[in-house]
Amino acid sequence: HFTNEKHIFANLGDGTYFHSGYLAIRQA
């Protein structure tokens, strides 16, 4: 909300995705 940048990438490993990263995606 505080930048002119419109898009960004986020790297996420499948191990982290399995135990907690999925929640970061749901938050997005």
mmCIF file of all heavy atoms, coordinates in Angstrom:
data_MODEL
# 
_entry.id   MODEL 
# 
loop_
_atom_site.group_PDB 
_atom_site.id 
_atom_site.type_symbol 
_atom_site.label_atom_id 
_atom_site.label_alt_id 
_atom_site.label_comp_id 
_atom_site.label_asym_id 
_atom_site.label_entity_id 
_atom_site.label_seq_id 
_atom_site.pdbx_PDB_ins_code 
_atom_site.Cartn_x 
_atom_site.Cartn_y 
_atom_site.Cartn_z 
_atom_site.occupancy 
_atom_site.B_iso_or_equiv 
_atom_site.pdbx_formal_charge 
_atom_site.auth_seq_id 
_atom_site.auth_comp_id 
_atom_site.auth_asym_id 
_atom_site.auth_atom_id 
_atom_site.pdbx_PDB_model_num 
ATOM 1   N N   . HIS A 1 1  ? 0.814  -1.222  0.000   1.00 0.00 ? 1  HIS A N   1 
ATOM 2   C CA  . HIS A 1 1  ? 0.000  0.000   0.000   1.00 0.00 ? 1  HIS A CA  1 
ATOM 3   C C   . HIS A 1 1  ? 0.845  1.269   0.000   1.00 0.00 ? 1  HIS A C   1 
ATOM 4   O O   . HIS A 1 1  ? 0.315  2.358   -0.184  1.00 0.00 ? 1  HIS A O   1 
ATOM 5   C CB  . HIS A 1 1  ? -0.937 0.011   1.217   1.00 0.00 ? 1  HIS A CB  1 
ATOM 6   C CG  . HIS A 1 1  ? -1.845 -1.171  1.272   1.00 0.00 ? 1  HIS A CG  1 
ATOM 7   N ND1 . HIS A 1 1  ? -2.896 -1.348  0.400   1.00 0.00 ? 1  HIS A ND1 1 
ATOM 8   C CD2 . HIS A 1 1  ? -1.830 -2.265  2.075   1.00 0.00 ? 1  HIS A CD2 1 
ATOM 9   C CE1 . HIS A 1 1  ? -3.501 -2.488  0.676   1.00 0.00 ? 1  HIS A CE1 1 
ATOM 10  N NE2 . HIS A 1 1  ? -2.872 -3.059  1.686   1.00 0.00 ? 1  HIS A NE2 1 
ATOM 11  N N   . PHE A 1 2  ? 2.152  1.124   0.227   1.00 0.00 ? 2  PHE A N   1 
ATOM 12  C CA  . PHE A 1 2  ? 3.011  2.291   0.377   1.00 0.00 ? 2  PHE A CA  1 
ATOM 13  C C   . PHE A 1 2  ? 4.123  2.340   -0.665  1.00 0.00 ? 2  PHE A C   1 
ATOM 14  O O   . PHE A 1 2  ? 5.197  2.886   -0.415  1.00 0.00 ? 2  PHE A O   1 
ATOM 15  C CB  . PHE A 1 2  ? 3.610  2.315   1.787   1.00 0.00 ? 2  PHE A CB  1 
ATOM 16  C CG  . PHE A 1 2  ? 2.550  2.348   2.843   1.00 0.00 ? 2  PHE A CG  1 
ATOM 17  C CD1 . PHE A 1 2  ? 2.142  1.182   3.487   1.00 0.00 ? 2  PHE A CD1 1 
ATOM 18  C CD2 . PHE A 1 2  ? 1.924  3.547   3.171   1.00 0.00 ? 2  PHE A CD2 1 
ATOM 19  C CE1 . PHE A 1 2  ? 1.150  1.212   4.448   1.00 0.00 ? 2  PHE A CE1 1 
ATOM 20  C CE2 . PHE A 1 2  ? 0.924  3.580   4.131   1.00 0.00 ? 2  PHE A CE2 1 
ATOM 21  C CZ  . PHE A 1 2  ? 0.538  2.410   4.773   1.00 0.00 ? 2  PHE A CZ  1 
ATOM 22  N N   . THR A 1 3  ? 3.874  1.777   -1.831  1.00 0.00 ? 3  THR A N   1 
ATOM 23  C CA  . THR A 1 3  ? 4.870  1.762   -2.892  1.00 0.00 ? 3  THR A CA  1 
ATOM 24  C C   . THR A 1 3  ? 4.174  1.829   -4.244  1.00 0.00 ? 3  THR A C   1 
ATOM 25  O O   . THR A 1 3  ? 2.997  1.506   -4.361  1.00 0.00 ? 3  THR A O   1 
ATOM 26  C CB  . THR A 1 3  ? 5.744  0.492   -2.802  1.00 0.00 ? 3  THR A CB  1 
ATOM 27  O OG1 . THR A 1 3  ? 6.699  0.496   -3.860  1.00 0.00 ? 3  THR A OG1 1 
ATOM 28  C CG2 . THR A 1 3  ? 4.906  -0.776  -2.897  1.00 0.00 ? 3  THR A CG2 1 
ATOM 29  N N   . ASN A 1 4  ? 4.938  2.263   -5.229  1.00 0.00 ? 4  ASN A N   1 
ATOM 30  C CA  . ASN A 1 4  ? 4.417  2.256   -6.602  1.00 0.00 ? 4  ASN A CA  1 
ATOM 31  C C   . ASN A 1 4  ? 4.589  0.885   -7.248  1.00 0.00 ? 4  ASN A C   1 
ATOM 32  O O   . ASN A 1 4  ? 4.068  0.646   -8.328  1.00 0.00 ? 4  ASN A O   1 
ATOM 33  C CB  . ASN A 1 4  ? 5.126  3.323   -7.445  1.00 0.00 ? 4  ASN A CB  1 
ATOM 34  C CG  . ASN A 1 4  ? 4.752  4.712   -6.987  1.00 0.00 ? 4  ASN A CG  1 
ATOM 35  O OD1 . ASN A 1 4  ? 3.644  4.946   -6.492  1.00 0.00 ? 4  ASN A OD1 1 
ATOM 36  N ND2 . ASN A 1 4  ? 5.677  5.646   -7.129  1.00 0.00 ? 4  ASN A ND2 1 
ATOM 37  N N   . GLU A 1 5  ? 5.321  0.026   -6.614  1.00 0.00 ? 5  GLU A N   1 
ATOM 38  C CA  . GLU A 1 5  ? 5.527  -1.329  -7.121  1.00 0.00 ? 5  GLU A CA  1 
ATOM 39  C C   . GLU A 1 5  ? 4.195  -2.071  -7.060  1.00 0.00 ? 5  GLU A C   1 
ATOM 40  O O   . GLU A 1 5  ? 3.516  -2.072  -6.035  1.00 0.00 ? 5  GLU A O   1 
ATOM 41  C CB  . GLU A 1 5  ? 6.574  -2.018  -6.249  1.00 0.00 ? 5  GLU A CB  1 
ATOM 42  C CG  . GLU A 1 5  ? 7.170  -3.249  -6.830  1.00 0.00 ? 5  GLU A CG  1 
ATOM 43  C CD  . GLU A 1 5  ? 8.345  -3.747  -5.992  1.00 0.00 ? 5  GLU A CD  1 
ATOM 44  O OE1 . GLU A 1 5  ? 8.507  -3.304  -4.841  1.00 0.00 ? 5  GLU A OE1 1 
ATOM 45  O OE2 . GLU A 1 5  ? 9.081  -4.584  -6.509  1.00 0.00 ? 5  GLU A OE2 1 
ATOM 46  N N   . LYS A 1 6  ? 3.806  -2.672  -8.157  1.00 0.00 ? 6  LYS A N   1 
ATOM 47  C CA  . LYS A 1 6  ? 2.479  -3.286  -8.242  1.00 0.00 ? 6  LYS A CA  1 
ATOM 48  C C   . LYS A 1 6  ? 2.462  -4.791  -7.966  1.00 0.00 ? 6  LYS A C   1 
ATOM 49  O O   . LYS A 1 6  ? 1.419  -5.363  -7.702  1.00 0.00 ? 6  LYS A O   1 
ATOM 50  C CB  . LYS A 1 6  ? 1.872  -3.040  -9.632  1.00 0.00 ? 6  LYS A CB  1 
ATOM 51  C CG  . LYS A 1 6  ? 1.705  -1.570  -9.960  1.00 0.00 ? 6  LYS A CG  1 
ATOM 52  C CD  . LYS A 1 6  ? 0.724  -0.924  -9.019  1.00 0.00 ? 6  LYS A CD  1 
ATOM 53  C CE  . LYS A 1 6  ? 0.554  0.545   -9.353  1.00 0.00 ? 6  LYS A CE  1 
ATOM 54  N NZ  . LYS A 1 6  ? 0.200  1.342   -8.209  1.00 0.00 ? 6  LYS A NZ  1 
ATOM 55  N N   . HIS A 1 7  ? 3.618  -5.438  -8.069  1.00 0.00 ? 7  HIS A N   1 
ATOM 56  C CA  . HIS A 1 7  ? 3.666  -6.893  -7.964  1.00 0.00 ? 7  HIS A CA  1 
ATOM 57  C C   . HIS A 1 7  ? 5.000  -7.331  -7.379  1.00 0.00 ? 7  HIS A C   1 
ATOM 58  O O   . HIS A 1 7  ? 6.015  -6.659  -7.550  1.00 0.00 ? 7  HIS A O   1 
ATOM 59  C CB  . HIS A 1 7  ? 3.491  -7.514  -9.356  1.00 0.00 ? 7  HIS A CB  1 
ATOM 60  C CG  . HIS A 1 7  ? 3.689  -8.995  -9.378  1.00 0.00 ? 7  HIS A CG  1 
ATOM 61  N ND1 . HIS A 1 7  ? 4.897  -9.562  -9.718  1.00 0.00 ? 7  HIS A ND1 1 
ATOM 62  C CD2 . HIS A 1 7  ? 2.846  -10.016 -9.091  1.00 0.00 ? 7  HIS A CD2 1 
ATOM 63  C CE1 . HIS A 1 7  ? 4.780  -10.886 -9.642  1.00 0.00 ? 7  HIS A CE1 1 
ATOM 64  N NE2 . HIS A 1 7  ? 3.548  -11.184 -9.272  1.00 0.00 ? 7  HIS A NE2 1 
ATOM 65  N N   . ILE A 1 8  ? 4.991  -8.446  -6.710  1.00 0.00 ? 8  ILE A N   1 
ATOM 66  C CA  . ILE A 1 8  ? 6.218  -9.007  -6.154  1.00 0.00 ? 8  ILE A CA  1 
ATOM 67  C C   . ILE A 1 8  ? 6.114  -10.533 -6.180  1.00 0.00 ? 8  ILE A C   1 
ATOM 68  O O   . ILE A 1 8  ? 5.010  -11.084 -6.230  1.00 0.00 ? 8  ILE A O   1 
ATOM 69  C CB  . ILE A 1 8  ? 6.455  -8.482  -4.720  1.00 0.00 ? 8  ILE A CB  1 
ATOM 70  C CG1 . ILE A 1 8  ? 7.908  -8.651  -4.337  1.00 0.00 ? 8  ILE A CG1 1 
ATOM 71  C CG2 . ILE A 1 8  ? 5.509  -9.112  -3.734  1.00 0.00 ? 8  ILE A CG2 1 
ATOM 72  C CD1 . ILE A 1 8  ? 8.309  -7.787  -3.162  1.00 0.00 ? 8  ILE A CD1 1 
ATOM 73  N N   . PHE A 1 9  ? 7.259  -11.196 -6.181  1.00 0.00 ? 9  PHE A N   1 
ATOM 74  C CA  . PHE A 1 9  ? 7.309  -12.648 -6.085  1.00 0.00 ? 9  PHE A CA  1 
ATOM 75  C C   . PHE A 1 9  ? 7.664  -13.030 -4.648  1.00 0.00 ? 9  PHE A C   1 
ATOM 76  O O   . PHE A 1 9  ? 8.298  -12.261 -3.938  1.00 0.00 ? 9  PHE A O   1 
ATOM 77  C CB  . PHE A 1 9  ? 8.389  -13.227 -7.017  1.00 0.00 ? 9  PHE A CB  1 
ATOM 78  C CG  . PHE A 1 9  ? 8.044  -13.136 -8.466  1.00 0.00 ? 9  PHE A CG  1 
ATOM 79  C CD1 . PHE A 1 9  ? 8.451  -12.050 -9.217  1.00 0.00 ? 9  PHE A CD1 1 
ATOM 80  C CD2 . PHE A 1 9  ? 7.317  -14.139 -9.087  1.00 0.00 ? 9  PHE A CD2 1 
ATOM 81  C CE1 . PHE A 1 9  ? 8.135  -11.954 -10.557 1.00 0.00 ? 9  PHE A CE1 1 
ATOM 82  C CE2 . PHE A 1 9  ? 6.996  -14.054 -10.435 1.00 0.00 ? 9  PHE A CE2 1 
ATOM 83  C CZ  . PHE A 1 9  ? 7.407  -12.959 -11.173 1.00 0.00 ? 9  PHE A CZ  1 
ATOM 84  N N   . ALA A 1 10 ? 7.276  -14.211 -4.246  1.00 0.00 ? 10 ALA A N   1 
ATOM 85  C CA  . ALA A 1 10 ? 7.694  -14.759 -2.954  1.00 0.00 ? 10 ALA A CA  1 
ATOM 86  C C   . ALA A 1 10 ? 8.111  -16.203 -3.172  1.00 0.00 ? 10 ALA A C   1 
ATOM 87  O O   . ALA A 1 10 ? 7.349  -17.001 -3.736  1.00 0.00 ? 10 ALA A O   1 
ATOM 88  C CB  . ALA A 1 10 ? 6.576  -14.680 -1.927  1.00 0.00 ? 10 ALA A CB  1 
ATOM 89  N N   . ASN A 1 11 ? 9.328  -16.512 -2.774  1.00 0.00 ? 11 ASN A N   1 
ATOM 90  C CA  . ASN A 1 11 ? 9.812  -17.887 -2.837  1.00 0.00 ? 11 ASN A CA  1 
ATOM 91  C C   . ASN A 1 11 ? 9.316  -18.626 -1.600  1.00 0.00 ? 11 ASN A C   1 
ATOM 92  O O   . ASN A 1 11 ? 9.355  -18.104 -0.493  1.00 0.00 ? 11 ASN A O   1 
ATOM 93  C CB  . ASN A 1 11 ? 11.337 -17.916 -2.869  1.00 0.00 ? 11 ASN A CB  1 
ATOM 94  C CG  . ASN A 1 11 ? 11.890 -17.300 -4.137  1.00 0.00 ? 11 ASN A CG  1 
ATOM 95  O OD1 . ASN A 1 11 ? 11.393 -17.553 -5.224  1.00 0.00 ? 11 ASN A OD1 1 
ATOM 96  N ND2 . ASN A 1 11 ? 12.922 -16.496 -4.001  1.00 0.00 ? 11 ASN A ND2 1 
ATOM 97  N N   . LEU A 1 12 ? 8.865  -19.841 -1.800  1.00 0.00 ? 12 LEU A N   1 
ATOM 98  C CA  . LEU A 1 12 ? 8.334  -20.645 -0.699  1.00 0.00 ? 12 LEU A CA  1 
ATOM 99  C C   . LEU A 1 12 ? 8.659  -22.102 -0.974  1.00 0.00 ? 12 LEU A C   1 
ATOM 100 O O   . LEU A 1 12 ? 8.273  -22.637 -2.015  1.00 0.00 ? 12 LEU A O   1 
ATOM 101 C CB  . LEU A 1 12 ? 6.818  -20.436 -0.583  1.00 0.00 ? 12 LEU A CB  1 
ATOM 102 C CG  . LEU A 1 12 ? 6.059  -21.243 0.443   1.00 0.00 ? 12 LEU A CG  1 
ATOM 103 C CD1 . LEU A 1 12 ? 6.496  -20.875 1.852   1.00 0.00 ? 12 LEU A CD1 1 
ATOM 104 C CD2 . LEU A 1 12 ? 4.562  -21.022 0.288   1.00 0.00 ? 12 LEU A CD2 1 
ATOM 105 N N   . GLY A 1 13 ? 9.389  -22.739 -0.082  1.00 0.00 ? 13 GLY A N   1 
ATOM 106 C CA  . GLY A 1 13 ? 9.708  -24.154 -0.251  1.00 0.00 ? 13 GLY A CA  1 
ATOM 107 C C   . GLY A 1 13 ? 8.518  -25.039 0.045   1.00 0.00 ? 13 GLY A C   1 
ATOM 108 O O   . GLY A 1 13 ? 7.638  -24.675 0.837   1.00 0.00 ? 13 GLY A O   1 
ATOM 109 N N   . ASP A 1 14 ? 8.494  -26.218 -0.564  1.00 0.00 ? 14 ASP A N   1 
ATOM 110 C CA  . ASP A 1 14 ? 7.365  -27.116 -0.348  1.00 0.00 ? 14 ASP A CA  1 
ATOM 111 C C   . ASP A 1 14 ? 7.319  -27.653 1.084   1.00 0.00 ? 14 ASP A C   1 
ATOM 112 O O   . ASP A 1 14 ? 6.240  -27.896 1.620   1.00 0.00 ? 14 ASP A O   1 
ATOM 113 C CB  . ASP A 1 14 ? 7.369  -28.267 -1.357  1.00 0.00 ? 14 ASP A CB  1 
ATOM 114 C CG  . ASP A 1 14 ? 8.601  -29.149 -1.276  1.00 0.00 ? 14 ASP A CG  1 
ATOM 115 O OD1 . ASP A 1 14 ? 9.713  -28.607 -1.106  1.00 0.00 ? 14 ASP A OD1 1 
ATOM 116 O OD2 . ASP A 1 14 ? 8.466  -30.388 -1.392  1.00 0.00 ? 14 ASP A OD2 1 
ATOM 117 N N   . GLY A 1 15 ? 8.459  -27.787 1.721   1.00 0.00 ? 15 GLY A N   1 
ATOM 118 C CA  . GLY A 1 15 ? 8.467  -28.215 3.123   1.00 0.00 ? 15 GLY A CA  1 
ATOM 119 C C   . GLY A 1 15 ? 7.801  -27.186 4.014   1.00 0.00 ? 15 GLY A C   1 
ATOM 120 O O   . GLY A 1 15 ? 6.963  -27.516 4.859   1.00 0.00 ? 15 GLY A O   1 
ATOM 121 N N   . THR A 1 16 ? 8.154  -25.920 3.810   1.00 0.00 ? 16 THR A N   1 
ATOM 122 C CA  . THR A 1 16 ? 7.530  -24.848 4.579   1.00 0.00 ? 16 THR A CA  1 
ATOM 123 C C   . THR A 1 16 ? 6.057  -24.711 4.203   1.00 0.00 ? 16 THR A C   1 
ATOM 124 O O   . THR A 1 16 ? 5.206  -24.491 5.067   1.00 0.00 ? 16 THR A O   1 
ATOM 125 C CB  . THR A 1 16 ? 8.270  -23.521 4.341   1.00 0.00 ? 16 THR A CB  1 
ATOM 126 O OG1 . THR A 1 16 ? 9.625  -23.680 4.732   1.00 0.00 ? 16 THR A OG1 1 
ATOM 127 C CG2 . THR A 1 16 ? 7.642  -22.390 5.123   1.00 0.00 ? 16 THR A CG2 1 
ATOM 128 N N   . TYR A 1 17 ? 5.752  -24.847 2.914   1.00 0.00 ? 17 TYR A N   1 
ATOM 129 C CA  . TYR A 1 17 ? 4.358  -24.782 2.474   1.00 0.00 ? 17 TYR A CA  1 
ATOM 130 C C   . TYR A 1 17 ? 3.520  -25.781 3.257   1.00 0.00 ? 17 TYR A C   1 
ATOM 131 O O   . TYR A 1 17 ? 2.434  -25.467 3.741   1.00 0.00 ? 17 TYR A O   1 
ATOM 132 C CB  . TYR A 1 17 ? 4.255  -25.086 0.976   1.00 0.00 ? 17 TYR A CB  1 
ATOM 133 C CG  . TYR A 1 17 ? 2.830  -25.217 0.490   1.00 0.00 ? 17 TYR A CG  1 
ATOM 134 C CD1 . TYR A 1 17 ? 2.133  -24.103 0.055   1.00 0.00 ? 17 TYR A CD1 1 
ATOM 135 C CD2 . TYR A 1 17 ? 2.182  -26.447 0.489   1.00 0.00 ? 17 TYR A CD2 1 
ATOM 136 C CE1 . TYR A 1 17 ? 0.810  -24.211 -0.373  1.00 0.00 ? 17 TYR A CE1 1 
ATOM 137 C CE2 . TYR A 1 17 ? 0.869  -26.567 0.071   1.00 0.00 ? 17 TYR A CE2 1 
ATOM 138 C CZ  . TYR A 1 17 ? 0.186  -25.445 -0.363  1.00 0.00 ? 17 TYR A CZ  1 
ATOM 139 O OH  . TYR A 1 17 ? -1.104 -25.559 -0.770  1.00 0.00 ? 17 TYR A OH  1 
ATOM 140 N N   . PHE A 1 18 ? 4.046  -26.991 3.407   1.00 0.00 ? 18 PHE A N   1 
ATOM 141 C CA  . PHE A 1 18 ? 3.276  -28.057 4.042   1.00 0.00 ? 18 PHE A CA  1 
ATOM 142 C C   . PHE A 1 18 ? 2.939  -27.735 5.490   1.00 0.00 ? 18 PHE A C   1 
ATOM 143 O O   . PHE A 1 18 ? 1.827  -27.985 5.937   1.00 0.00 ? 18 PHE A O   1 
ATOM 144 C CB  . PHE A 1 18 ? 4.039  -29.381 3.966   1.00 0.00 ? 18 PHE A CB  1 
ATOM 145 C CG  . PHE A 1 18 ? 3.234  -30.549 4.447   1.00 0.00 ? 18 PHE A CG  1 
ATOM 146 C CD1 . PHE A 1 18 ? 2.333  -31.175 3.606   1.00 0.00 ? 18 PHE A CD1 1 
ATOM 147 C CD2 . PHE A 1 18 ? 3.358  -31.008 5.747   1.00 0.00 ? 18 PHE A CD2 1 
ATOM 148 C CE1 . PHE A 1 18 ? 1.573  -32.244 4.049   1.00 0.00 ? 18 PHE A CE1 1 
ATOM 149 C CE2 . PHE A 1 18 ? 2.595  -32.075 6.201   1.00 0.00 ? 18 PHE A CE2 1 
ATOM 150 C CZ  . PHE A 1 18 ? 1.704  -32.692 5.349   1.00 0.00 ? 18 PHE A CZ  1 
ATOM 151 N N   . HIS A 1 19 ? 3.905  -27.192 6.256   1.00 0.00 ? 19 HIS A N   1 
ATOM 152 C CA  . HIS A 1 19 ? 3.615  -26.998 7.677   1.00 0.00 ? 19 HIS A CA  1 
ATOM 153 C C   . HIS A 1 19 ? 3.119  -25.613 8.049   1.00 0.00 ? 19 HIS A C   1 
ATOM 154 O O   . HIS A 1 19 ? 2.439  -25.459 9.054   1.00 0.00 ? 19 HIS A O   1 
ATOM 155 C CB  . HIS A 1 19 ? 4.805  -27.384 8.564   1.00 0.00 ? 19 HIS A CB  1 
ATOM 156 C CG  . HIS A 1 19 ? 6.026  -26.555 8.395   1.00 0.00 ? 19 HIS A CG  1 
ATOM 157 N ND1 . HIS A 1 19 ? 6.117  -25.234 8.739   1.00 0.00 ? 19 HIS A ND1 1 
ATOM 158 C CD2 . HIS A 1 19 ? 7.239  -26.893 7.911   1.00 0.00 ? 19 HIS A CD2 1 
ATOM 159 C CE1 . HIS A 1 19 ? 7.316  -24.790 8.487   1.00 0.00 ? 19 HIS A CE1 1 
ATOM 160 N NE2 . HIS A 1 19 ? 8.019  -25.769 7.984   1.00 0.00 ? 19 HIS A NE2 1 
ATOM 161 N N   . SER A 1 20 ? 3.426  -24.564 7.270   1.00 0.00 ? 20 SER A N   1 
ATOM 162 C CA  . SER A 1 20 ? 2.929  -23.244 7.672   1.00 0.00 ? 20 SER A CA  1 
ATOM 163 C C   . SER A 1 20 ? 2.821  -22.243 6.522   1.00 0.00 ? 20 SER A C   1 
ATOM 164 O O   . SER A 1 20 ? 2.106  -21.264 6.648   1.00 0.00 ? 20 SER A O   1 
ATOM 165 C CB  . SER A 1 20 ? 3.828  -22.652 8.770   1.00 0.00 ? 20 SER A CB  1 
ATOM 166 O OG  . SER A 1 20 ? 5.155  -22.545 8.294   1.00 0.00 ? 20 SER A OG  1 
ATOM 167 N N   . GLY A 1 21 ? 3.506  -22.471 5.437   1.00 0.00 ? 21 GLY A N   1 
ATOM 168 C CA  . GLY A 1 21 ? 3.489  -21.518 4.325   1.00 0.00 ? 21 GLY A CA  1 
ATOM 169 C C   . GLY A 1 21 ? 2.141  -21.384 3.641   1.00 0.00 ? 21 GLY A C   1 
ATOM 170 O O   . GLY A 1 21 ? 1.824  -20.338 3.073   1.00 0.00 ? 21 GLY A O   1 
ATOM 171 N N   . TYR A 1 22 ? 1.351  -22.437 3.715   1.00 0.00 ? 22 TYR A N   1 
ATOM 172 C CA  . TYR A 1 22 ? 0.016  -22.389 3.133   1.00 0.00 ? 22 TYR A CA  1 
ATOM 173 C C   . TYR A 1 22 ? -0.797 -21.255 3.739   1.00 0.00 ? 22 TYR A C   1 
ATOM 174 O O   . TYR A 1 22 ? -1.581 -20.594 3.059   1.00 0.00 ? 22 TYR A O   1 
ATOM 175 C CB  . TYR A 1 22 ? -0.666 -23.743 3.337   1.00 0.00 ? 22 TYR A CB  1 
ATOM 176 C CG  . TYR A 1 22 ? -2.070 -23.835 2.824   1.00 0.00 ? 22 TYR A CG  1 
ATOM 177 C CD1 . TYR A 1 22 ? -2.343 -23.660 1.467   1.00 0.00 ? 22 TYR A CD1 1 
ATOM 178 C CD2 . TYR A 1 22 ? -3.125 -24.110 3.676   1.00 0.00 ? 22 TYR A CD2 1 
ATOM 179 C CE1 . TYR A 1 22 ? -3.636 -23.755 0.989   1.00 0.00 ? 22 TYR A CE1 1 
ATOM 180 C CE2 . TYR A 1 22 ? -4.422 -24.207 3.200   1.00 0.00 ? 22 TYR A CE2 1 
ATOM 181 C CZ  . TYR A 1 22 ? -4.676 -24.027 1.858   1.00 0.00 ? 22 TYR A CZ  1 
ATOM 182 O OH  . TYR A 1 22 ? -5.954 -24.116 1.373   1.00 0.00 ? 22 TYR A OH  1 
ATOM 183 N N   . LEU A 1 23 ? -0.567 -20.987 5.013   1.00 0.00 ? 23 LEU A N   1 
ATOM 184 C CA  . LEU A 1 23 ? -1.295 -19.896 5.679   1.00 0.00 ? 23 LEU A CA  1 
ATOM 185 C C   . LEU A 1 23 ? -0.873 -18.535 5.146   1.00 0.00 ? 23 LEU A C   1 
ATOM 186 O O   . LEU A 1 23 ? -1.687 -17.609 5.071   1.00 0.00 ? 23 LEU A O   1 
ATOM 187 C CB  . LEU A 1 23 ? -1.075 -19.971 7.191   1.00 0.00 ? 23 LEU A CB  1 
ATOM 188 C CG  . LEU A 1 23 ? -1.642 -21.219 7.864   1.00 0.00 ? 23 LEU A CG  1 
ATOM 189 C CD1 . LEU A 1 23 ? -1.240 -21.249 9.335   1.00 0.00 ? 23 LEU A CD1 1 
ATOM 190 C CD2 . LEU A 1 23 ? -3.144 -21.280 7.699   1.00 0.00 ? 23 LEU A CD2 1 
ATOM 191 N N   . ALA A 1 24 ? 0.399  -18.388 4.755   1.00 0.00 ? 24 ALA A N   1 
ATOM 192 C CA  . ALA A 1 24 ? 0.848  -17.126 4.161   1.00 0.00 ? 24 ALA A CA  1 
ATOM 193 C C   . ALA A 1 24 ? 0.124  -16.884 2.837   1.00 0.00 ? 24 ALA A C   1 
ATOM 194 O O   . ALA A 1 24 ? -0.277 -15.754 2.529   1.00 0.00 ? 24 ALA A O   1 
ATOM 195 C CB  . ALA A 1 24 ? 2.358  -17.149 3.951   1.00 0.00 ? 24 ALA A CB  1 
ATOM 196 N N   . ILE A 1 25 ? -0.057 -17.943 2.067   1.00 0.00 ? 25 ILE A N   1 
ATOM 197 C CA  . ILE A 1 25 ? -0.785 -17.816 0.793   1.00 0.00 ? 25 ILE A CA  1 
ATOM 198 C C   . ILE A 1 25 ? -2.244 -17.460 1.058   1.00 0.00 ? 25 ILE A C   1 
ATOM 199 O O   . ILE A 1 25 ? -2.809 -16.572 0.400   1.00 0.00 ? 25 ILE A O   1 
ATOM 200 C CB  . ILE A 1 25 ? -0.659 -19.110 -0.033  1.00 0.00 ? 25 ILE A CB  1 
ATOM 201 C CG1 . ILE A 1 25 ? 0.807  -19.307 -0.461  1.00 0.00 ? 25 ILE A CG1 1 
ATOM 202 C CG2 . ILE A 1 25 ? -1.586 -19.072 -1.244  1.00 0.00 ? 25 ILE A CG2 1 
ATOM 203 C CD1 . ILE A 1 25 ? 1.082  -20.616 -1.154  1.00 0.00 ? 25 ILE A CD1 1 
ATOM 204 N N   . ARG A 1 26 ? -2.847 -18.091 2.028   1.00 0.00 ? 26 ARG A N   1 
ATOM 205 C CA  . ARG A 1 26 ? -4.241 -17.773 2.364   1.00 0.00 ? 26 ARG A CA  1 
ATOM 206 C C   . ARG A 1 26 ? -4.374 -16.324 2.826   1.00 0.00 ? 26 ARG A C   1 
ATOM 207 O O   . ARG A 1 26 ? -5.352 -15.648 2.529   1.00 0.00 ? 26 ARG A O   1 
ATOM 208 C CB  . ARG A 1 26 ? -4.764 -18.727 3.435   1.00 0.00 ? 26 ARG A CB  1 
ATOM 209 C CG  . ARG A 1 26 ? -4.873 -20.157 2.902   1.00 0.00 ? 26 ARG A CG  1 
ATOM 210 C CD  . ARG A 1 26 ? -5.522 -21.062 3.884   1.00 0.00 ? 26 ARG A CD  1 
ATOM 211 N NE  . ARG A 1 26 ? -6.972 -20.807 3.826   1.00 0.00 ? 26 ARG A NE  1 
ATOM 212 C CZ  . ARG A 1 26 ? -7.817 -21.173 4.774   1.00 0.00 ? 26 ARG A CZ  1 
ATOM 213 N NH1 . ARG A 1 26 ? -7.382 -21.802 5.843   1.00 0.00 ? 26 ARG A NH1 1 
ATOM 214 N NH2 . ARG A 1 26 ? -9.085 -20.908 4.664   1.00 0.00 ? 26 ARG A NH2 1 
ATOM 215 N N   . GLN A 1 27 ? -3.363 -15.836 3.549   1.00 0.00 ? 27 GLN A N   1 
ATOM 216 C CA  . GLN A 1 27 ? -3.359 -14.447 4.000   1.00 0.00 ? 27 GLN A CA  1 
ATOM 217 C C   . GLN A 1 27 ? -3.272 -13.505 2.808   1.00 0.00 ? 27 GLN A C   1 
ATOM 218 O O   . GLN A 1 27 ? -3.959 -12.485 2.770   1.00 0.00 ? 27 GLN A O   1 
ATOM 219 C CB  . GLN A 1 27 ? -2.180 -14.218 4.961   1.00 0.00 ? 27 GLN A CB  1 
ATOM 220 C CG  . GLN A 1 27 ? -2.032 -12.827 5.483   1.00 0.00 ? 27 GLN A CG  1 
ATOM 221 C CD  . GLN A 1 27 ? -1.179 -11.928 4.584   1.00 0.00 ? 27 GLN A CD  1 
ATOM 222 O OE1 . GLN A 1 27 ? -1.277 -10.741 4.683   1.00 0.00 ? 27 GLN A OE1 1 
ATOM 223 N NE2 . GLN A 1 27 ? -0.364 -12.471 3.721   1.00 0.00 ? 27 GLN A NE2 1 
ATOM 224 N N   . ALA A 1 28 ? -2.464 -13.847 1.810   1.00 0.00 ? 28 ALA A N   1 
ATOM 225 C CA  . ALA A 1 28 ? -2.348 -13.016 0.613   1.00 0.00 ? 28 ALA A CA  1 
ATOM 226 C C   . ALA A 1 28 ? -3.670 -12.957 -0.146  1.00 0.00 ? 28 ALA A C   1 
ATOM 227 O O   . ALA A 1 28 ? -4.057 -11.904 -0.665  1.00 0.00 ? 28 ALA A O   1 
ATOM 228 C CB  . ALA A 1 28 ? -1.234 -13.554 -0.291  1.00 0.00 ? 28 ALA A CB  1 
# 
